[in-house]
Amino acid sequence: MQEDKDAVVRDDEADDDNDSLSWMNPDSDEIDALDAEIDRHPAHKTYRRLADLQRVLKAWNAYSLRLSQLLTELEESEEVAAVLMRNFGDTSAQDEIVLVLDQGLIAYVAGLGAVVDHARILSEGRSKALRERYEGRTKQLLSDIPSAPFLAKLRNYVLHNVAAPWEFGGTFGEGGVFEGTQISLSVEALLENKSGWSADAKAYLRASGTKIQLSPLLEVYRKVMVEHIDTLMREVYEENEPSMETVRELARKRNLLLTGGITDGDDWEDRMAHIQENIHRKNRGEPELNYETGLPFERGEGTRSTSDATE
């Protein structure tokens, strides 16, 4: 008899599961229409472009910081100096350092190229005034920082020509006291790529002597470049703010339909934090709290919203 009761319970649970799996939001057609309208809206495409550029800029910024840190650490290490300046015998340790330098430089120049390309695409199709301001700031940056044209075109050499022509040298003071290592690129080797450099970049290379030490160049350029791209993103956002608000209103309407009128999404972070706190409260044996009232759930009041959101 008990087995029959259990079978009935299991059948009922199975029916509930099937019902939940086959449930469809009664507003699904309107939700789909809103999703399509959002995807088609020019402001939504602009927002995605802004988000993409921000991601790429953050990635390149991290690459730049890591390469700067790597060069500084290597150039200040007396132990590394002995390895880098060895030109006979077993150079496997030097090869390992060159590999790390190559990894850092390739990531840096590829990331910088991505930033430049994404920024150019974002600026296209904007108002004439915005494009002119962006182009003017770009020209000013290239004028104010002599190494900027060289760093911007270095990717043509590293990614499309040959590996970076690293050179290593040490500086010693009186009594042979170690003062530092210079990790540089050979200017002669760089200029062998005759088509990969702009006129400004070639002029910078020729004025730099026989080699270019990267470490003094990177941080200044990074700060100016980040500010330059941040300004572009801010101006594009401000120029498109009214139409972006239209898209946000469409998204709020969609979210209300998705949640049965509970939230338009503006309080999403607070609700997620509340769910996490209720999980902690439950684990501590404390009563879960109602998001709307801040009070413990009354007996019989549904609490599935917390568990469902975490399943």
Protein backbone atom coordinates (compact mmCIF):
# COMPACT_ATOMS: atom_id res chain seq x y z
CA MET A 1 0.00 0.00 0.00
CA GLN A 2 2.83 2.35 0.88
CA GLU A 3 4.47 1.60 -2.48
CA ASP A 4 1.24 2.63 -4.26
CA LYS A 5 1.25 5.95 -2.38
CA ASP A 6 4.89 6.54 -3.27
CA ALA A 7 4.12 5.79 -6.92
CA VAL A 8 1.31 8.34 -6.88
CA VAL A 9 3.61 10.94 -5.33
CA ARG A 10 6.30 10.26 -7.93
CA ASP A 11 3.74 10.48 -10.73
CA ASP A 12 2.51 13.80 -9.35
CA GLU A 13 6.08 15.14 -9.14
CA ALA A 14 6.75 13.99 -12.69
CA ASP A 15 3.61 15.81 -13.88
CA ASP A 16 4.80 18.97 -12.07
CA ASP A 17 8.23 18.69 -13.72
CA ASN A 18 6.65 18.19 -17.15
CA ASP A 19 4.41 21.19 -16.59
CA SER A 20 7.39 23.35 -15.60
CA LEU A 21 9.37 22.20 -18.63
CA SER A 22 6.51 22.94 -21.02
CA TRP A 23 5.60 26.31 -19.43
CA MET A 24 5.75 29.30 -21.74
CA ASN A 25 5.62 32.93 -20.74
CA PRO A 26 2.21 34.26 -21.86
CA ASP A 27 3.99 37.39 -23.12
CA SER A 28 6.61 35.48 -25.10
CA ASP A 29 5.55 36.95 -28.46
CA GLU A 30 5.84 40.50 -27.14
CA ILE A 31 9.17 39.66 -25.49
CA ASP A 32 10.52 38.30 -28.78
CA ALA A 33 9.32 41.41 -30.59
CA LEU A 34 11.03 43.66 -28.05
CA ASP A 35 14.27 41.66 -28.31
CA ALA A 36 14.20 42.05 -32.09
CA GLU A 37 13.49 45.78 -31.81
CA ILE A 38 16.40 46.22 -29.37
CA ASP A 39 18.80 44.28 -31.62
CA ARG A 40 17.84 46.39 -34.64
CA HIS A 41 18.16 49.73 -32.86
CA PRO A 42 21.27 51.73 -33.93
CA ALA A 43 21.88 52.80 -30.32
CA HIS A 44 22.12 49.16 -29.26
CA LYS A 45 24.78 48.55 -31.89
CA THR A 46 26.65 51.64 -30.68
CA TYR A 47 26.47 50.40 -27.11
CA ARG A 48 27.95 47.05 -28.14
CA ARG A 49 30.73 48.86 -30.00
CA LEU A 50 31.48 50.90 -26.87
CA ALA A 51 31.51 47.77 -24.72
CA ASP A 52 33.83 45.99 -27.16
CA LEU A 53 36.28 48.90 -27.26
CA GLN A 54 36.28 49.14 -23.48
CA ARG A 55 37.13 45.44 -23.21
CA VAL A 56 39.94 45.71 -25.75
CA LEU A 57 41.33 48.83 -24.08
CA LYS A 58 41.39 47.13 -20.68
CA ALA A 59 43.17 44.13 -22.16
CA TRP A 60 45.84 46.26 -23.86
CA ASN A 61 46.27 48.39 -20.75
CA ALA A 62 47.01 45.22 -18.77
CA TYR A 63 49.47 44.03 -21.45
CA SER A 64 51.25 47.39 -21.35
CA LEU A 65 51.56 47.35 -17.57
CA ARG A 66 52.88 43.78 -17.58
CA LEU A 67 55.47 44.49 -20.27
CA SER A 68 56.64 47.61 -18.42
CA GLN A 69 56.94 45.65 -15.20
CA LEU A 70 58.78 42.80 -16.94
CA LEU A 71 61.31 45.13 -18.54
CA THR A 72 61.91 47.00 -15.29
CA GLU A 73 62.45 43.80 -13.31
CA LEU A 74 64.84 42.37 -15.89
CA GLU A 75 66.81 45.58 -16.30
CA GLU A 76 67.30 46.01 -12.56
CA SER A 77 68.46 42.44 -11.89
CA GLU A 78 72.23 41.86 -11.76
CA GLU A 79 71.65 38.13 -12.06
CA VAL A 80 69.64 38.62 -15.25
CA ALA A 81 72.33 40.95 -16.62
CA ALA A 82 74.90 38.17 -16.47
CA VAL A 83 72.54 35.91 -18.40
CA LEU A 84 71.56 38.45 -21.06
CA MET A 85 75.10 39.60 -21.83
CA ARG A 86 76.48 36.10 -22.29
CA ASN A 87 77.41 35.55 -25.94
CA PHE A 88 79.06 32.11 -25.80
CA GLY A 89 78.50 28.67 -24.36
CA ASP A 90 75.11 27.63 -22.99
CA THR A 91 72.61 30.40 -23.76
CA SER A 92 69.48 28.42 -22.87
CA ALA A 93 68.72 30.70 -19.91
CA GLN A 94 68.95 33.71 -22.21
CA ASP A 95 66.63 31.99 -24.69
CA GLU A 96 64.02 31.60 -21.94
CA ILE A 97 64.18 35.31 -21.15
CA VAL A 98 63.88 36.19 -24.85
CA LEU A 99 60.81 33.96 -25.05
CA VAL A 100 59.16 35.85 -22.19
CA LEU A 101 60.04 39.17 -23.84
CA ASP A 102 58.59 37.99 -27.15
CA GLN A 103 55.37 36.92 -25.46
CA GLY A 104 55.01 40.28 -23.76
CA LEU A 105 55.80 42.34 -26.84
CA ILE A 106 53.56 40.34 -29.18
CA ALA A 107 50.62 40.72 -26.78
CA TYR A 108 51.37 44.44 -26.43
CA VAL A 109 51.53 45.30 -30.13
CA ALA A 110 48.57 43.08 -31.04
CA GLY A 111 46.49 44.65 -28.27
CA LEU A 112 47.48 48.16 -29.32
CA GLY A 113 46.52 47.38 -32.91
CA ALA A 114 43.13 46.14 -31.72
CA VAL A 115 42.56 49.34 -29.74
CA VAL A 116 43.42 51.51 -32.74
CA ASP A 117 41.19 49.50 -35.09
CA HIS A 118 38.21 49.36 -32.71
CA ALA A 119 38.49 53.08 -31.99
CA ARG A 120 38.55 53.89 -35.71
CA ILE A 121 35.44 51.77 -36.33
CA LEU A 122 33.63 53.39 -33.40
CA SER A 123 34.44 56.90 -34.66
CA GLU A 124 33.11 56.15 -38.14
CA GLY A 125 29.53 57.13 -38.69
CA ARG A 126 29.53 59.68 -35.87
CA SER A 127 28.86 63.37 -36.27
CA LYS A 128 31.39 65.41 -38.23
CA ALA A 129 32.25 67.45 -35.15
CA LEU A 130 32.98 64.33 -33.07
CA ARG A 131 35.14 62.79 -35.80
CA GLU A 132 37.10 66.01 -36.22
CA ARG A 133 37.76 66.24 -32.47
CA TYR A 134 38.93 62.63 -32.37
CA GLU A 135 41.19 63.03 -35.38
CA GLY A 136 42.58 66.26 -33.96
CA ARG A 137 43.43 64.61 -30.63
CA THR A 138 45.06 61.71 -32.50
CA LYS A 139 47.31 64.09 -34.45
CA GLN A 140 48.16 65.98 -31.28
CA LEU A 141 49.08 62.74 -29.50
CA LEU A 142 51.41 61.73 -32.32
CA SER A 143 52.98 65.20 -32.21
CA ASP A 144 53.38 65.40 -28.43
CA ILE A 145 54.87 61.92 -28.00
CA PRO A 146 57.67 61.35 -30.55
CA SER A 147 57.70 57.59 -29.90
CA ALA A 148 53.95 57.21 -30.57
CA PRO A 149 54.23 56.62 -34.35
CA PHE A 150 56.97 54.04 -33.73
CA LEU A 151 54.97 52.15 -31.08
CA ALA A 152 51.83 52.23 -33.22
CA LYS A 153 53.64 50.74 -36.24
CA LEU A 154 55.81 48.29 -34.31
CA ARG A 155 53.12 45.65 -34.79
CA ASN A 156 53.78 45.66 -38.55
CA TYR A 157 57.32 44.50 -37.84
CA VAL A 158 56.66 42.06 -35.00
CA LEU A 159 53.47 40.50 -36.35
CA HIS A 160 54.07 40.58 -40.09
CA ASN A 161 57.82 40.68 -40.65
CA VAL A 162 60.25 38.99 -38.24
CA ALA A 163 60.67 38.52 -34.50
CA ALA A 164 61.78 41.48 -32.41
CA PRO A 165 65.52 42.24 -32.82
CA TRP A 166 66.42 42.30 -29.12
CA GLU A 167 69.77 43.66 -27.99
CA PHE A 168 71.18 43.56 -24.47
CA GLY A 169 73.75 45.77 -22.80
CA GLY A 170 74.87 46.51 -19.27
CA THR A 171 75.95 49.62 -17.42
CA PHE A 172 78.62 49.48 -14.73
CA GLY A 173 79.93 52.26 -12.54
CA GLU A 174 83.21 52.76 -10.75
CA GLY A 175 84.79 49.59 -9.51
CA GLY A 176 82.59 47.51 -11.76
CA VAL A 177 79.45 48.16 -9.70
CA PHE A 178 76.35 47.06 -11.63
CA GLU A 179 73.99 49.93 -12.47
CA GLY A 180 71.52 48.28 -14.79
CA THR A 181 70.81 46.43 -18.01
CA GLN A 182 69.43 47.95 -21.19
CA ILE A 183 66.95 45.84 -23.14
CA SER A 184 66.62 47.41 -26.56
CA LEU A 185 65.62 46.86 -30.17
CA SER A 186 68.13 47.19 -33.00
CA VAL A 187 67.31 50.23 -35.15
CA GLU A 188 69.22 48.84 -38.12
CA ALA A 189 67.17 45.64 -38.07
CA LEU A 190 63.89 47.53 -37.65
CA LEU A 191 64.63 49.76 -40.66
CA GLU A 192 65.15 46.72 -42.86
CA ASN A 193 61.36 46.58 -43.06
CA LYS A 194 61.07 49.48 -45.50
CA SER A 195 57.31 49.40 -46.07
CA GLY A 196 56.06 48.85 -42.53
CA TRP A 197 56.87 52.26 -41.06
CA SER A 198 55.17 55.60 -41.50
CA ALA A 199 57.31 58.66 -42.29
CA ASP A 200 57.06 59.83 -38.66
CA ALA A 201 58.05 56.40 -37.35
CA LYS A 202 61.06 56.23 -39.69
CA ALA A 203 62.15 59.69 -38.60
CA TYR A 204 61.95 58.64 -34.96
CA LEU A 205 63.96 55.48 -35.64
CA ARG A 206 66.71 57.34 -37.49
CA ALA A 207 66.95 59.91 -34.71
CA SER A 208 67.26 57.24 -32.02
CA GLY A 209 70.80 56.09 -32.75
CA THR A 210 71.60 52.41 -33.02
CA LYS A 211 68.99 51.07 -30.60
CA ILE A 212 65.72 51.91 -28.85
CA GLN A 213 65.21 51.06 -25.20
CA LEU A 214 61.50 50.30 -24.70
CA SER A 215 61.09 50.66 -20.95
CA PRO A 216 61.20 54.50 -20.83
CA LEU A 217 58.58 54.75 -23.59
CA LEU A 218 55.73 52.51 -22.53
CA GLU A 219 54.24 54.17 -19.45
CA VAL A 220 53.99 57.67 -20.90
CA TYR A 221 52.30 56.37 -24.03
CA ARG A 222 49.96 54.08 -22.07
CA LYS A 223 48.58 56.91 -19.92
CA VAL A 224 48.02 59.25 -22.85
CA MET A 225 46.48 56.52 -25.02
CA VAL A 226 44.05 55.40 -22.33
CA GLU A 227 42.92 59.01 -21.79
CA HIS A 228 42.58 59.49 -25.56
CA ILE A 229 40.33 56.45 -26.02
CA ASP A 230 38.36 57.16 -22.84
CA THR A 231 37.54 60.61 -24.22
CA LEU A 232 36.32 59.10 -27.49
CA MET A 233 34.07 56.62 -25.68
CA ARG A 234 32.64 59.33 -23.43
CA GLU A 235 31.86 61.63 -26.35
CA VAL A 236 30.23 58.84 -28.37
CA TYR A 237 28.11 57.87 -25.36
CA GLU A 238 27.04 61.45 -24.69
CA GLU A 239 26.18 62.03 -28.35
CA ASN A 240 23.97 58.93 -28.38
CA GLU A 241 22.54 59.25 -24.86
CA PRO A 242 18.94 60.11 -25.94
CA SER A 243 18.64 57.13 -28.29
CA MET A 244 20.34 54.86 -25.75
CA GLU A 245 17.69 55.83 -23.22
CA THR A 246 15.09 54.66 -25.74
CA VAL A 247 16.78 51.27 -25.84
CA ARG A 248 16.93 51.14 -22.04
CA GLU A 249 13.19 51.76 -21.89
CA LEU A 250 12.61 48.88 -24.30
CA ALA A 251 14.83 46.68 -22.11
CA ARG A 252 12.93 47.69 -18.96
CA LYS A 253 9.64 46.81 -20.64
CA ARG A 254 11.03 43.43 -21.70
CA ASN A 255 12.35 42.73 -18.19
CA LEU A 256 8.98 43.49 -16.63
CA LEU A 257 7.35 40.98 -18.97
CA LEU A 258 10.06 38.40 -18.26
CA THR A 259 9.64 38.72 -14.49
CA GLY A 260 5.86 39.01 -14.41
CA GLY A 261 6.06 42.66 -13.40
CA ILE A 262 8.44 42.09 -10.48
CA THR A 263 11.41 44.14 -11.75
CA ASP A 264 12.51 46.14 -14.76
CA GLY A 265 16.13 45.17 -14.12
CA ASP A 266 17.34 48.44 -12.60
CA ASP A 267 17.58 46.78 -9.18
CA TRP A 268 19.11 43.54 -10.50
CA GLU A 269 22.40 43.85 -8.61
CA ASP A 270 20.55 44.50 -5.34
CA ARG A 271 18.29 41.52 -5.91
CA MET A 272 21.23 39.22 -6.66
CA ALA A 273 23.00 40.43 -3.53
CA HIS A 274 19.81 39.78 -1.56
CA ILE A 275 19.60 36.23 -2.90
CA GLN A 276 23.20 35.58 -1.89
CA GLU A 277 22.55 36.95 1.58
CA ASN A 278 19.49 34.72 1.95
CA ILE A 279 21.61 31.71 1.01
CA HIS A 280 24.07 32.63 3.76
CA ARG A 281 21.22 33.17 6.22
CA LYS A 282 19.74 29.78 5.36
CA ASN A 283 23.14 28.11 5.81
CA ARG A 284 23.41 29.76 9.25
CA GLY A 285 19.96 28.53 10.20
CA GLU A 286 18.52 32.05 10.15
CA PRO A 287 15.20 33.00 8.51
CA GLU A 288 15.31 34.23 4.92
CA LEU A 289 14.14 37.79 4.33
CA ASN A 290 11.58 39.11 1.88
CA TYR A 291 13.27 41.48 -0.60
CA GLU A 292 10.30 43.82 -0.74
CA THR A 293 9.65 44.16 3.01
CA GLY A 294 13.01 43.28 4.53
CA LEU A 295 11.16 41.05 7.00
CA PRO A 296 11.32 37.27 7.44
CA PHE A 297 8.97 35.31 5.20
CA GLU A 298 5.70 34.54 6.90
CA ARG A 299 4.67 30.95 7.29
CA GLY A 300 3.29 29.66 4.02
CA GLU A 301 4.77 32.53 2.02
CA GLY A 302 6.64 31.33 -1.09
CA THR A 303 10.42 31.39 -0.92
CA ARG A 304 11.19 29.59 -4.17
CA SER A 305 12.58 32.76 -5.76
CA THR A 306 15.82 32.34 -3.82
CA SER A 307 16.30 28.66 -4.49
CA ASP A 308 15.14 28.86 -8.10
CA ALA A 309 17.59 31.64 -8.88
CA THR A 310 20.49 29.61 -7.60
CA GLU A 311 19.64 26.28 -9.26
